Amino acid sequence: MREDQSLFTNSRIILTNAGKEPISNVKVFYGVKNETIQTINPGDKISLSPPEGSNLNVVRIIADNGINITAGYRTPIKMPGMMGS
């Protein structure tokens, strides 16, 4: 998720293991700095904050068992009266 505010940008990545087996050796590539998570167990959800200076257009995640995902950040719909609208 990427929320552009008038003075700053709030961004986060949420990783969820929706499978039945643990996912190991998860690497998150932000473009500037990378992060490694040893294991995400089935049903676990992890929230990460990209480091300052990261590319806020796409993030790449690779892990054991052939997982290789490149995804763009989603931007929530702005509603009248909400912060940043």
Protein backbone atom coordinates (compact mmCIF):
# COMPACT_ATOMS: atom_id res chain seq x y z
CA MET A 1 0.00 0.00 0.00
CA ARG A 2 1.12 3.51 -0.75
CA GLU A 3 -0.73 6.52 0.64
CA ASP A 4 0.43 9.89 -0.67
CA GLN A 5 -0.25 12.68 1.83
CA SER A 6 0.39 16.37 1.28
CA LEU A 7 3.64 16.35 3.31
CA PHE A 8 4.75 12.70 3.22
CA THR A 9 4.12 9.25 1.76
CA ASN A 10 3.06 6.40 4.03
CA SER A 11 3.95 2.98 2.59
CA ARG A 12 3.84 -0.61 3.80
CA ILE A 13 4.07 -4.12 2.48
CA ILE A 14 1.94 -6.91 3.88
CA LEU A 15 3.11 -10.49 3.30
CA THR A 16 0.64 -13.30 3.98
CA ASN A 17 1.25 -17.02 3.75
CA ALA A 18 -2.10 -18.26 2.48
CA GLY A 19 -0.70 -21.74 1.81
CA LYS A 20 -0.52 -24.88 3.93
CA GLU A 21 3.28 -25.07 4.21
CA PRO A 22 5.84 -22.65 5.69
CA ILE A 23 7.62 -20.32 3.26
CA SER A 24 11.33 -19.99 3.91
CA ASN A 25 14.16 -17.68 2.88
CA VAL A 26 11.87 -14.79 1.92
CA LYS A 27 13.79 -11.88 0.37
CA VAL A 28 12.13 -8.49 -0.12
CA PHE A 29 13.85 -6.19 -2.64
CA TYR A 30 12.95 -2.52 -2.16
CA GLY A 31 15.48 -1.21 -4.67
CA VAL A 32 17.74 0.50 -2.13
CA LYS A 33 17.97 -1.87 0.79
CA ASN A 34 16.81 -5.47 0.98
CA GLU A 35 15.30 -7.49 3.81
CA THR A 36 15.30 -11.24 4.55
CA ILE A 37 12.71 -13.12 6.57
CA GLN A 38 13.69 -16.66 7.54
CA THR A 39 10.20 -18.24 7.69
CA ILE A 40 6.54 -17.26 7.30
CA ASN A 41 4.27 -19.94 8.72
CA PRO A 42 0.86 -20.81 7.22
CA GLY A 43 -1.70 -18.15 8.12
CA ASP A 44 0.92 -15.65 9.32
CA LYS A 45 0.77 -12.06 8.15
CA ILE A 46 3.81 -9.75 8.31
CA SER A 47 3.75 -5.98 7.83
CA LEU A 48 6.94 -4.29 6.62
CA SER A 49 7.87 -0.65 6.08
CA PRO A 50 10.18 0.09 3.14
CA PRO A 51 13.32 2.00 4.17
CA GLU A 52 13.71 5.65 3.24
CA GLY A 53 14.75 6.14 -0.38
CA SER A 54 13.05 2.95 -1.59
CA ASN A 55 11.42 2.67 -4.99
CA LEU A 56 7.72 3.11 -4.17
CA ASN A 57 6.53 1.92 -7.58
CA VAL A 58 7.29 -1.81 -7.35
CA VAL A 59 8.58 -4.34 -4.84
CA ARG A 60 10.03 -7.78 -5.63
CA ILE A 61 9.72 -10.79 -3.35
CA ILE A 62 11.44 -14.13 -3.88
CA ALA A 63 11.49 -17.20 -1.66
CA ASP A 64 12.21 -20.90 -1.71
CA ASN A 65 9.83 -23.21 -3.60
CA GLY A 66 9.94 -21.04 -6.73
CA ILE A 67 8.14 -17.99 -5.34
CA ASN A 68 9.02 -14.91 -7.42
CA ILE A 69 6.60 -11.97 -7.26
CA THR A 70 6.99 -8.43 -8.58
CA ALA A 71 4.06 -6.18 -7.69
CA GLY A 72 3.20 -2.52 -7.75
CA TYR A 73 2.08 -0.62 -4.68
CA ARG A 74 -1.67 -0.09 -4.47
CA THR A 75 -3.09 3.31 -3.61
CA PRO A 76 -6.32 3.42 -1.56
CA ILE A 77 -9.30 5.37 -2.89
CA LYS A 78 -9.49 8.88 -1.45
CA MET A 79 -12.80 9.68 0.24
CA PRO A 80 -13.99 13.24 0.90
CA GLY A 81 -13.16 14.31 4.45
CA MET A 82 -10.44 11.66 4.87
CA MET A 83 -6.82 12.58 5.64
CA GLY A 84 -4.91 13.30 2.42
CA SER A 85 -8.06 13.94 0.32
